[in-house]
Amino acid sequence: MEFSMTDIIQTQAPLSSFTDVTDKTLLIPVADRLVQSPVGVLHIKANQFGISHLGVAKEDAELIECVKGEIVESAQSHLQQLERELAEYFDGERHSFTVPLAPKGTEFQTQVWQALIELGYGNTCSYGDIAQQIARPKAVRAVGAANGANPIAIIVPCHRVIGKNGKLTGYAYGLGMKQQLLTLEDQNRRG
């Protein structure tokens, strides 16, 4: 499968919480890109630290609202690396991502997102399973909220979270896309 870049926009965005900076209002250059994929047009953003956003593009107007700013070469290299890794993922050749990540979130959210990353390719779990994994067994609802706030879909695989009864639960980009991703991983895991 071949991906094509349809647009690059230069923007400014808040600094990632993964970076040890106390002033969250500090603005850093960001690069955006639209990438064609089997699940739709993906909108990816990166800063000098890594990927800060991956989601389904709602419409081109989403990018027009970006404020133009200086572009950082390292942000571009993160986008290029992710574009290659996504192509490999959708071709069934990649089961984990190596591109650096720089999502903005609370300490609790980043714990949840890290637990999702550690969940193996093609595996599923419930919010309760993640709450147990991060040693917060009573925080099931908070885990669900953190899952819903995940800014880096696919790489931080919130699509792998299902109901404790084994049924599909909500997904920001719809249950159809969630099922597509789970089916892709299941087929490629079994070889």
N, C-alpha and C. Protein backbone atom coordinates (compact mmCIF):
# COMPACT_ATOMS: atom_id res chain seq x y z
N MET A 1 0.83 -1.18 0.00
CA MET A 1 0.00 0.00 0.00
C MET A 1 0.87 1.24 0.00
N GLU A 2 0.53 2.21 -0.83
CA GLU A 2 1.31 3.42 -0.92
C GLU A 2 0.54 4.57 -0.30
N PHE A 3 1.20 5.35 0.53
CA PHE A 3 0.60 6.53 1.13
C PHE A 3 1.10 7.75 0.40
N SER A 4 0.25 8.75 0.29
CA SER A 4 0.69 9.99 -0.34
C SER A 4 0.44 11.15 0.59
N MET A 5 1.41 12.03 0.67
CA MET A 5 1.25 13.23 1.45
C MET A 5 0.39 14.18 0.64
N THR A 6 -0.71 14.68 1.22
CA THR A 6 -1.56 15.58 0.48
C THR A 6 -1.39 17.03 0.92
N ASP A 7 -0.77 17.24 2.08
CA ASP A 7 -0.61 18.61 2.54
C ASP A 7 0.39 18.66 3.68
N ILE A 8 1.11 19.74 3.76
CA ILE A 8 1.95 20.02 4.92
C ILE A 8 1.64 21.43 5.36
N ILE A 9 1.33 21.60 6.61
CA ILE A 9 1.03 22.90 7.17
C ILE A 9 2.02 23.16 8.30
N GLN A 10 2.47 24.36 8.44
CA GLN A 10 3.36 24.71 9.54
C GLN A 10 2.53 25.38 10.62
N THR A 11 2.68 24.94 11.87
CA THR A 11 1.87 25.47 12.96
C THR A 11 2.68 25.65 14.22
N GLN A 12 2.05 26.22 15.22
CA GLN A 12 2.59 26.31 16.56
C GLN A 12 1.60 25.60 17.48
N ALA A 13 2.10 24.86 18.48
CA ALA A 13 1.23 24.13 19.40
C ALA A 13 1.85 24.12 20.79
N PRO A 14 1.03 23.87 21.84
CA PRO A 14 1.58 23.80 23.19
C PRO A 14 2.60 22.68 23.31
N LEU A 15 3.58 22.89 24.16
CA LEU A 15 4.62 21.90 24.40
C LEU A 15 4.05 20.64 25.00
N SER A 16 4.54 19.51 24.60
CA SER A 16 4.10 18.21 25.10
C SER A 16 4.37 18.06 26.58
N SER A 17 3.47 17.39 27.28
CA SER A 17 3.68 17.15 28.70
C SER A 17 4.71 16.05 28.92
N PHE A 18 5.11 15.34 27.88
CA PHE A 18 6.16 14.33 28.04
C PHE A 18 7.52 15.00 28.20
N THR A 19 7.61 16.26 27.87
CA THR A 19 8.86 17.00 27.97
C THR A 19 8.91 17.67 29.33
N ASP A 20 10.08 17.69 29.96
CA ASP A 20 10.23 18.25 31.30
C ASP A 20 10.31 19.77 31.23
N VAL A 21 9.16 20.40 31.03
CA VAL A 21 9.08 21.86 30.98
C VAL A 21 7.90 22.27 31.84
N THR A 22 8.12 23.26 32.70
CA THR A 22 7.05 23.68 33.60
C THR A 22 6.11 24.67 32.93
N ASP A 23 6.58 25.44 31.97
CA ASP A 23 5.74 26.43 31.31
C ASP A 23 5.02 25.79 30.12
N LYS A 24 3.77 25.37 30.36
CA LYS A 24 3.00 24.69 29.31
C LYS A 24 2.55 25.65 28.21
N THR A 25 2.71 26.96 28.42
CA THR A 25 2.30 27.91 27.39
C THR A 25 3.39 28.12 26.35
N LEU A 26 4.58 27.58 26.61
CA LEU A 26 5.68 27.69 25.65
C LEU A 26 5.24 27.09 24.31
N LEU A 27 5.43 27.84 23.25
CA LEU A 27 5.04 27.34 21.93
C LEU A 27 6.26 26.85 21.18
N ILE A 28 6.11 25.75 20.50
CA ILE A 28 7.19 25.19 19.70
C ILE A 28 6.68 24.90 18.31
N PRO A 29 7.55 24.91 17.32
CA PRO A 29 7.11 24.62 15.95
C PRO A 29 6.59 23.19 15.79
N VAL A 30 5.62 23.06 14.92
CA VAL A 30 5.00 21.77 14.65
C VAL A 30 4.81 21.62 13.15
N ALA A 31 4.90 20.39 12.68
CA ALA A 31 4.60 20.10 11.28
C ALA A 31 3.37 19.20 11.24
N ASP A 32 2.47 19.45 10.30
CA ASP A 32 1.26 18.66 10.11
C ASP A 32 1.32 17.99 8.75
N ARG A 33 0.62 16.88 8.64
CA ARG A 33 0.56 16.19 7.35
C ARG A 33 -0.74 15.40 7.29
N LEU A 34 -1.32 15.33 6.10
CA LEU A 34 -2.45 14.45 5.84
C LEU A 34 -1.92 13.24 5.10
N VAL A 35 -2.33 12.05 5.52
CA VAL A 35 -1.85 10.80 4.93
C VAL A 35 -3.05 9.93 4.58
N GLN A 36 -3.09 9.43 3.37
CA GLN A 36 -4.15 8.52 2.93
C GLN A 36 -3.89 7.15 3.56
N SER A 37 -4.95 6.49 4.07
CA SER A 37 -4.80 5.16 4.66
C SER A 37 -6.05 4.33 4.38
N PRO A 38 -6.02 3.04 4.65
CA PRO A 38 -7.20 2.20 4.44
C PRO A 38 -8.39 2.58 5.33
N VAL A 39 -8.14 3.31 6.41
CA VAL A 39 -9.23 3.70 7.31
C VAL A 39 -9.63 5.16 7.11
N GLY A 40 -9.11 5.82 6.10
CA GLY A 40 -9.45 7.20 5.81
C GLY A 40 -8.21 8.08 5.81
N VAL A 41 -8.44 9.38 5.65
CA VAL A 41 -7.33 10.33 5.67
C VAL A 41 -6.93 10.58 7.11
N LEU A 42 -5.66 10.34 7.41
CA LEU A 42 -5.14 10.53 8.76
C LEU A 42 -4.45 11.88 8.85
N HIS A 43 -4.67 12.57 9.96
CA HIS A 43 -4.04 13.86 10.24
C HIS A 43 -2.99 13.62 11.31
N ILE A 44 -1.72 13.84 10.96
CA ILE A 44 -0.65 13.63 11.94
C ILE A 44 0.08 14.95 12.20
N LYS A 45 0.50 15.13 13.45
CA LYS A 45 1.25 16.31 13.86
C LYS A 45 2.49 15.85 14.60
N ALA A 46 3.56 16.62 14.44
CA ALA A 46 4.79 16.33 15.17
C ALA A 46 5.44 17.63 15.60
N ASN A 47 6.20 17.53 16.69
CA ASN A 47 7.06 18.64 17.08
C ASN A 47 8.48 18.10 17.14
N GLN A 48 9.40 18.87 17.64
CA GLN A 48 10.80 18.42 17.65
C GLN A 48 11.02 17.21 18.53
N PHE A 49 10.08 16.90 19.43
CA PHE A 49 10.23 15.78 20.35
C PHE A 49 9.62 14.49 19.83
N GLY A 50 8.67 14.58 18.91
CA GLY A 50 8.03 13.39 18.38
C GLY A 50 6.63 13.66 17.88
N ILE A 51 5.87 12.59 17.69
CA ILE A 51 4.49 12.68 17.21
C ILE A 51 3.61 13.15 18.35
N SER A 52 2.80 14.18 18.09
CA SER A 52 1.92 14.71 19.12
C SER A 52 0.45 14.43 18.84
N HIS A 53 0.12 14.03 17.62
CA HIS A 53 -1.28 13.77 17.27
C HIS A 53 -1.35 12.83 16.07
N LEU A 54 -2.27 11.89 16.13
CA LEU A 54 -2.61 11.07 14.97
C LEU A 54 -4.10 10.77 15.10
N GLY A 55 -4.87 11.23 14.15
CA GLY A 55 -6.30 10.99 14.16
C GLY A 55 -6.85 11.03 12.75
N VAL A 56 -8.12 10.75 12.62
CA VAL A 56 -8.77 10.83 11.32
C VAL A 56 -9.09 12.30 11.05
N ALA A 57 -8.67 12.80 9.89
CA ALA A 57 -8.93 14.19 9.53
C ALA A 57 -10.42 14.38 9.34
N LYS A 58 -10.96 15.38 10.01
CA LYS A 58 -12.40 15.65 9.90
C LYS A 58 -12.71 16.31 8.57
N GLU A 59 -11.90 17.29 8.21
CA GLU A 59 -12.06 17.98 6.94
C GLU A 59 -10.84 18.86 6.74
N ASP A 60 -10.64 19.33 5.52
CA ASP A 60 -9.48 20.15 5.23
C ASP A 60 -9.47 21.45 6.03
N ALA A 61 -10.65 21.95 6.40
CA ALA A 61 -10.71 23.19 7.18
C ALA A 61 -9.98 23.05 8.50
N GLU A 62 -9.88 21.82 9.01
CA GLU A 62 -9.15 21.55 10.25
C GLU A 62 -7.71 22.04 10.13
N LEU A 63 -7.11 21.89 8.98
CA LEU A 63 -5.73 22.32 8.78
C LEU A 63 -5.61 23.80 8.47
N ILE A 64 -6.62 24.37 7.85
CA ILE A 64 -6.58 25.78 7.49
C ILE A 64 -6.53 26.65 8.74
N GLU A 65 -7.11 26.16 9.84
CA GLU A 65 -7.13 26.92 11.09
C GLU A 65 -5.77 26.98 11.76
N CYS A 66 -4.81 26.20 11.32
CA CYS A 66 -3.48 26.18 11.93
C CYS A 66 -2.79 27.52 11.76
N VAL A 67 -2.05 27.92 12.78
CA VAL A 67 -1.28 29.16 12.72
C VAL A 67 0.08 28.84 12.12
N LYS A 68 0.46 29.60 11.11
CA LYS A 68 1.75 29.33 10.46
C LYS A 68 2.90 29.73 11.38
N GLY A 69 3.96 28.94 11.36
CA GLY A 69 5.13 29.21 12.18
C GLY A 69 6.35 28.55 11.59
N GLU A 70 7.45 28.66 12.29
CA GLU A 70 8.70 28.05 11.84
C GLU A 70 8.57 26.54 11.89
N ILE A 71 9.08 25.86 10.90
CA ILE A 71 9.03 24.40 10.87
C ILE A 71 10.39 23.85 11.30
N VAL A 72 10.37 22.81 12.07
CA VAL A 72 11.60 22.22 12.59
C VAL A 72 11.90 20.96 11.80
N GLU A 73 13.14 20.82 11.37
CA GLU A 73 13.54 19.66 10.57
C GLU A 73 13.25 18.35 11.28
N SER A 74 13.49 18.30 12.60
CA SER A 74 13.25 17.06 13.34
C SER A 74 11.76 16.70 13.35
N ALA A 75 10.88 17.72 13.36
CA ALA A 75 9.45 17.43 13.30
C ALA A 75 9.11 16.78 11.97
N GLN A 76 9.70 17.28 10.89
CA GLN A 76 9.47 16.68 9.57
C GLN A 76 9.97 15.24 9.53
N SER A 77 11.12 14.98 10.13
CA SER A 77 11.65 13.62 10.10
C SER A 77 10.76 12.67 10.88
N HIS A 78 10.14 13.16 11.97
CA HIS A 78 9.19 12.31 12.72
C HIS A 78 7.98 11.97 11.84
N LEU A 79 7.48 12.96 11.10
CA LEU A 79 6.35 12.71 10.21
C LEU A 79 6.71 11.70 9.12
N GLN A 80 7.88 11.85 8.54
CA GLN A 80 8.31 10.93 7.49
C GLN A 80 8.47 9.51 8.04
N GLN A 81 9.04 9.40 9.24
CA GLN A 81 9.20 8.08 9.86
C GLN A 81 7.84 7.46 10.12
N LEU A 82 6.90 8.26 10.66
CA LEU A 82 5.57 7.72 10.95
C LEU A 82 4.86 7.31 9.67
N GLU A 83 5.00 8.09 8.62
CA GLU A 83 4.35 7.73 7.35
C GLU A 83 4.84 6.36 6.87
N ARG A 84 6.15 6.11 6.97
CA ARG A 84 6.71 4.80 6.59
C ARG A 84 6.16 3.70 7.51
N GLU A 85 6.16 3.96 8.81
CA GLU A 85 5.72 2.94 9.76
C GLU A 85 4.23 2.64 9.62
N LEU A 86 3.41 3.66 9.31
CA LEU A 86 1.99 3.41 9.08
C LEU A 86 1.78 2.54 7.84
N ALA A 87 2.52 2.81 6.78
CA ALA A 87 2.41 1.99 5.57
C ALA A 87 2.74 0.54 5.90
N GLU A 88 3.79 0.32 6.68
CA GLU A 88 4.17 -1.04 7.07
C GLU A 88 3.11 -1.67 7.97
N TYR A 89 2.53 -0.89 8.87
CA TYR A 89 1.47 -1.38 9.75
C TYR A 89 0.27 -1.85 8.92
N PHE A 90 -0.20 -0.99 8.01
CA PHE A 90 -1.37 -1.35 7.21
C PHE A 90 -1.08 -2.47 6.22
N ASP A 91 0.18 -2.67 5.88
CA ASP A 91 0.56 -3.81 5.03
C ASP A 91 0.77 -5.08 5.85
N GLY A 92 0.61 -5.00 7.16
CA GLY A 92 0.77 -6.16 8.04
C GLY A 92 2.20 -6.51 8.37
N GLU A 93 3.13 -5.62 8.03
CA GLU A 93 4.55 -5.89 8.24
C GLU A 93 5.09 -5.32 9.55
N ARG A 94 4.36 -4.43 10.20
CA ARG A 94 4.83 -3.78 11.43
C ARG A 94 3.83 -4.04 12.54
N HIS A 95 4.34 -4.50 13.67
CA HIS A 95 3.48 -4.80 14.82
C HIS A 95 3.70 -3.83 15.97
N SER A 96 4.72 -2.98 15.89
CA SER A 96 4.93 -1.93 16.89
C SER A 96 5.61 -0.75 16.20
N PHE A 97 5.50 0.40 16.82
CA PHE A 97 6.03 1.63 16.24
C PHE A 97 7.26 2.08 17.01
N THR A 98 8.21 2.69 16.30
CA THR A 98 9.43 3.17 16.93
C THR A 98 9.56 4.69 16.88
N VAL A 99 8.67 5.36 16.19
CA VAL A 99 8.72 6.81 16.09
C VAL A 99 8.56 7.41 17.50
N PRO A 100 9.33 8.44 17.85
CA PRO A 100 9.18 9.08 19.16
C PRO A 100 7.79 9.71 19.30
N LEU A 101 7.24 9.66 20.50
CA LEU A 101 5.92 10.21 20.77
C LEU A 101 6.03 11.40 21.73
N ALA A 102 5.17 12.39 21.53
CA ALA A 102 5.14 13.57 22.39
C ALA A 102 3.71 14.06 22.58
N PRO A 103 2.83 13.20 23.14
CA PRO A 103 1.45 13.64 23.34
C PRO A 103 1.34 14.58 24.54
N LYS A 104 0.33 15.42 24.53
CA LYS A 104 0.06 16.29 25.66
C LYS A 104 -0.98 15.61 26.54
N GLY A 105 -0.66 15.41 27.81
CA GLY A 105 -1.60 14.77 28.72
C GLY A 105 -1.13 14.86 30.15
N THR A 106 -2.02 14.50 31.07
CA THR A 106 -1.67 14.49 32.48
C THR A 106 -0.79 13.29 32.78
N GLU A 107 -0.24 13.26 33.98
CA GLU A 107 0.58 12.11 34.38
C GLU A 107 -0.24 10.82 34.34
N PHE A 108 -1.49 10.88 34.82
CA PHE A 108 -2.36 9.70 34.80
C PHE A 108 -2.62 9.26 33.36
N GLN A 109 -2.96 10.20 32.49
CA GLN A 109 -3.22 9.85 31.09
C GLN A 109 -2.00 9.19 30.46
N THR A 110 -0.82 9.72 30.71
CA THR A 110 0.37 9.13 30.10
C THR A 110 0.64 7.73 30.64
N GLN A 111 0.27 7.46 31.90
CA GLN A 111 0.39 6.10 32.44
C GLN A 111 -0.53 5.16 31.68
N VAL A 112 -1.75 5.60 31.44
CA VAL A 112 -2.72 4.78 30.69
C VAL A 112 -2.23 4.56 29.27
N TRP A 113 -1.76 5.62 28.62
CA TRP A 113 -1.30 5.49 27.24
C TRP A 113 -0.09 4.57 27.14
N GLN A 114 0.80 4.64 28.13
CA GLN A 114 1.96 3.74 28.13
C GLN A 114 1.50 2.29 28.28
N ALA A 115 0.50 2.05 29.13
CA ALA A 115 -0.04 0.69 29.29
C ALA A 115 -0.63 0.20 27.98
N LEU A 116 -1.29 1.08 27.24
CA LEU A 116 -1.84 0.69 25.94
C LEU A 116 -0.73 0.31 24.96
N ILE A 117 0.34 1.09 24.96
CA ILE A 117 1.47 0.79 24.06
C ILE A 117 2.06 -0.57 24.38
N GLU A 118 2.08 -0.93 25.66
CA GLU A 118 2.66 -2.21 26.08
C GLU A 118 1.76 -3.40 25.75
N LEU A 119 0.48 -3.13 25.44
CA LEU A 119 -0.44 -4.20 25.06
C LEU A 119 -0.01 -4.74 23.69
N GLY A 120 0.19 -6.01 23.61
CA GLY A 120 0.72 -6.62 22.38
C GLY A 120 -0.19 -6.47 21.18
N TYR A 121 0.42 -6.47 20.02
CA TYR A 121 -0.25 -6.39 18.73
C TYR A 121 -1.32 -7.47 18.64
N GLY A 122 -2.53 -7.06 18.27
CA GLY A 122 -3.61 -8.01 18.09
C GLY A 122 -4.29 -8.46 19.37
N ASN A 123 -3.79 -8.04 20.52
CA ASN A 123 -4.41 -8.39 21.79
C ASN A 123 -5.44 -7.33 22.17
N THR A 124 -6.37 -7.70 23.02
CA THR A 124 -7.36 -6.76 23.53
C THR A 124 -7.40 -6.84 25.05
N CYS A 125 -7.97 -5.81 25.64
CA CYS A 125 -8.14 -5.77 27.09
C CYS A 125 -9.32 -4.86 27.42
N SER A 126 -9.67 -4.79 28.69
CA SER A 126 -10.75 -3.91 29.14
C SER A 126 -10.15 -2.74 29.91
N TYR A 127 -10.98 -1.75 30.21
CA TYR A 127 -10.54 -0.63 31.04
C TYR A 127 -10.08 -1.14 32.40
N GLY A 128 -10.78 -2.13 32.92
CA GLY A 128 -10.41 -2.72 34.21
C GLY A 128 -9.03 -3.36 34.17
N ASP A 129 -8.72 -4.02 33.06
CA ASP A 129 -7.39 -4.63 32.91
C ASP A 129 -6.29 -3.56 32.96
N ILE A 130 -6.55 -2.44 32.29
CA ILE A 130 -5.55 -1.36 32.29
C ILE A 130 -5.44 -0.75 33.68
N ALA A 131 -6.57 -0.56 34.35
CA ALA A 131 -6.54 -0.02 35.71
C ALA A 131 -5.70 -0.90 36.62
N GLN A 132 -5.84 -2.21 36.48
CA GLN A 132 -5.02 -3.15 37.26
C GLN A 132 -3.54 -3.00 36.88
N GLN A 133 -3.26 -2.90 35.60
CA GLN A 133 -1.88 -2.83 35.13
C GLN A 133 -1.15 -1.61 35.67
N ILE A 134 -1.85 -0.49 35.81
CA ILE A 134 -1.19 0.72 36.31
C ILE A 134 -1.35 0.86 37.82
N ALA A 135 -1.79 -0.22 38.47
CA ALA A 135 -1.94 -0.26 39.94
C ALA A 135 -2.94 0.76 40.46
N ARG A 136 -4.01 0.97 39.69
CA ARG A 136 -5.10 1.86 40.10
C ARG A 136 -6.42 1.13 39.84
N PRO A 137 -6.66 -0.01 40.54
CA PRO A 137 -7.80 -0.88 40.22
C PRO A 137 -9.17 -0.22 40.32
N LYS A 138 -9.29 0.84 41.09
CA LYS A 138 -10.60 1.51 41.23
C LYS A 138 -10.78 2.64 40.23
N ALA A 139 -9.81 2.87 39.39
CA ALA A 139 -9.84 4.00 38.46
C ALA A 139 -10.33 3.60 37.07
N VAL A 140 -11.25 2.65 37.01
CA VAL A 140 -11.72 2.14 35.71
C VAL A 140 -12.32 3.25 34.86
N ARG A 141 -13.17 4.09 35.45
CA ARG A 141 -13.78 5.18 34.66
C ARG A 141 -12.74 6.19 34.22
N ALA A 142 -11.80 6.49 35.10
CA ALA A 142 -10.73 7.43 34.74
C ALA A 142 -9.88 6.86 33.61
N VAL A 143 -9.66 5.56 33.63
CA VAL A 143 -8.93 4.91 32.53
C VAL A 143 -9.71 5.07 31.23
N GLY A 144 -11.03 4.91 31.30
CA GLY A 144 -11.86 5.11 30.12
C GLY A 144 -11.76 6.53 29.59
N ALA A 145 -11.76 7.50 30.50
CA ALA A 145 -11.63 8.90 30.08
C ALA A 145 -10.26 9.17 29.46
N ALA A 146 -9.21 8.61 30.05
CA ALA A 146 -7.86 8.78 29.49
C ALA A 146 -7.77 8.12 28.12
N ASN A 147 -8.40 6.97 27.98
CA ASN A 147 -8.43 6.27 26.69
C ASN A 147 -9.10 7.16 25.65
N GLY A 148 -10.21 7.78 26.03
CA GLY A 148 -10.94 8.65 25.12
C GLY A 148 -10.19 9.93 24.77
N ALA A 149 -9.26 10.34 25.63
CA ALA A 149 -8.48 11.55 25.39
C ALA A 149 -7.19 11.28 24.63
N ASN A 150 -6.96 10.04 24.26
CA ASN A 150 -5.73 9.66 23.56
C ASN A 150 -5.57 10.46 22.26
N PRO A 151 -4.50 11.27 22.15
CA PRO A 151 -4.33 12.07 20.94
C PRO A 151 -3.59 11.36 19.81
N ILE A 152 -3.11 10.13 20.06
CA ILE A 152 -2.30 9.45 19.05
C ILE A 152 -2.89 8.07 18.77
N ALA A 153 -3.98 8.07 18.00
CA ALA A 153 -4.66 6.81 17.65
C ALA A 153 -3.69 5.88 16.92
N ILE A 154 -4.01 4.62 16.92
CA ILE A 154 -3.28 3.53 16.25
C ILE A 154 -1.95 3.24 16.95
N ILE A 155 -1.06 4.23 17.08
CA ILE A 155 0.23 4.00 17.74
C ILE A 155 0.01 3.74 19.23
N VAL A 156 -0.78 4.59 19.88
CA VAL A 156 -1.23 4.33 21.24
C VAL A 156 -2.57 3.62 21.02
N PRO A 157 -2.57 2.29 21.03
CA PRO A 157 -3.67 1.51 20.46
C PRO A 157 -4.93 1.41 21.32
N CYS A 158 -5.61 2.55 21.48
CA CYS A 158 -6.85 2.54 22.25
C CYS A 158 -7.93 1.72 21.56
N HIS A 159 -7.75 1.42 20.28
CA HIS A 159 -8.71 0.57 19.57
C HIS A 159 -8.70 -0.86 20.12
N ARG A 160 -7.67 -1.23 20.87
CA ARG A 160 -7.57 -2.59 21.43
C ARG A 160 -8.34 -2.75 22.74
N VAL A 161 -8.96 -1.67 23.22
CA VAL A 161 -9.74 -1.76 24.47
C VAL A 161 -11.18 -2.10 24.11
N ILE A 162 -11.65 -3.19 24.68
CA ILE A 162 -13.02 -3.65 24.46
C ILE A 162 -13.72 -3.78 25.80
N GLY A 163 -15.02 -4.04 25.78
CA GLY A 163 -15.76 -4.22 27.01
C GLY A 163 -15.32 -5.47 27.74
N LYS A 164 -15.55 -5.50 29.06
CA LYS A 164 -15.14 -6.69 29.82
C LYS A 164 -15.92 -7.92 29.39
N ASN A 165 -17.05 -7.69 28.70
CA ASN A 165 -17.84 -8.80 28.17
C ASN A 165 -17.34 -9.26 26.79
N GLY A 166 -16.26 -8.64 26.30
CA GLY A 166 -15.68 -9.02 25.01
C GLY A 166 -16.27 -8.29 23.82
N LYS A 167 -17.23 -7.40 24.05
CA LYS A 167 -17.86 -6.68 22.94
C LYS A 167 -17.14 -5.36 22.69
N LEU A 168 -17.29 -4.87 21.46
CA LEU A 168 -16.70 -3.58 21.11
C LEU A 168 -17.37 -2.48 21.91
N THR A 169 -16.54 -1.54 22.38
CA THR A 169 -17.05 -0.35 23.07
C THR A 169 -16.67 0.85 22.23
N GLY A 170 -17.12 2.02 22.64
CA GLY A 170 -16.91 3.24 21.88
C GLY A 170 -15.48 3.48 21.42
N TYR A 171 -15.39 4.23 20.34
CA TYR A 171 -14.10 4.60 19.76
C TYR A 171 -14.30 5.96 19.10
N ALA A 172 -13.38 6.87 19.31
CA ALA A 172 -13.52 8.24 18.81
C ALA A 172 -13.80 8.31 17.32
N TYR A 173 -13.29 7.35 16.56
CA TYR A 173 -13.45 7.37 15.11
C TYR A 173 -14.47 6.35 14.62
N GLY A 174 -15.29 5.86 15.53
CA GLY A 174 -16.37 4.95 15.18
C GLY A 174 -16.01 3.49 15.31
N LEU A 175 -17.02 2.69 15.60
CA LEU A 175 -16.80 1.25 15.79
C LEU A 175 -16.38 0.55 14.51
N GLY A 176 -16.76 1.10 13.36
CA GLY A 176 -16.35 0.51 12.09
C GLY A 176 -14.84 0.54 11.92
N MET A 177 -14.23 1.69 12.22
CA MET A 177 -12.77 1.80 12.12
C MET A 177 -12.11 0.93 13.17
N LYS A 178 -12.68 0.90 14.37
CA LYS A 178 -12.12 0.07 15.44
C LYS A 178 -12.10 -1.40 15.00
N GLN A 179 -13.20 -1.86 14.44
CA GLN A 179 -13.28 -3.25 13.97
C GLN A 179 -12.29 -3.50 12.85
N GLN A 180 -12.14 -2.54 11.95
CA GLN A 180 -11.17 -2.66 10.85
C GLN A 180 -9.75 -2.87 11.39
N LEU A 181 -9.37 -2.06 12.38
CA LEU A 181 -8.02 -2.16 12.95
C LEU A 181 -7.83 -3.48 13.67
N LEU A 182 -8.83 -3.90 14.44
CA LEU A 182 -8.73 -5.18 15.17
C LEU A 182 -8.66 -6.35 14.20
N THR A 183 -9.44 -6.30 13.12
CA THR A 183 -9.43 -7.37 12.12
C THR A 183 -8.07 -7.42 11.42
N LEU A 184 -7.55 -6.26 11.04
CA LEU A 184 -6.23 -6.19 10.40
C LEU A 184 -5.18 -6.84 11.29
N GLU A 185 -5.18 -6.49 12.57
CA GLU A 185 -4.18 -7.04 13.49
C GLU A 185 -4.38 -8.53 13.72
N ASP A 186 -5.63 -8.95 13.82
CA ASP A 186 -5.89 -10.37 14.05
C ASP A 186 -5.43 -11.20 12.85
N GLN A 187 -5.73 -10.74 11.65
CA GLN A 187 -5.32 -11.47 10.44
C GLN A 187 -3.80 -11.53 10.31
N ASN A 188 -3.13 -10.44 10.60
CA ASN A 188 -1.67 -10.39 10.43
C ASN A 188 -0.93 -11.08 11.57
N ARG A 189 -1.56 -11.17 12.72
CA ARG A 189 -0.94 -11.86 13.85
C ARG A 189 -0.93 -13.36 13.60
N ARG A 190 -2.00 -13.84 13.00
CA ARG A 190 -2.11 -15.28 12.72
C ARG A 190 -1.31 -15.69 11.49
N GLY A 191 -0.89 -14.68 10.71
CA GLY A 191 -0.05 -14.95 9.54
C GLY A 191 -0.81 -15.48 8.40
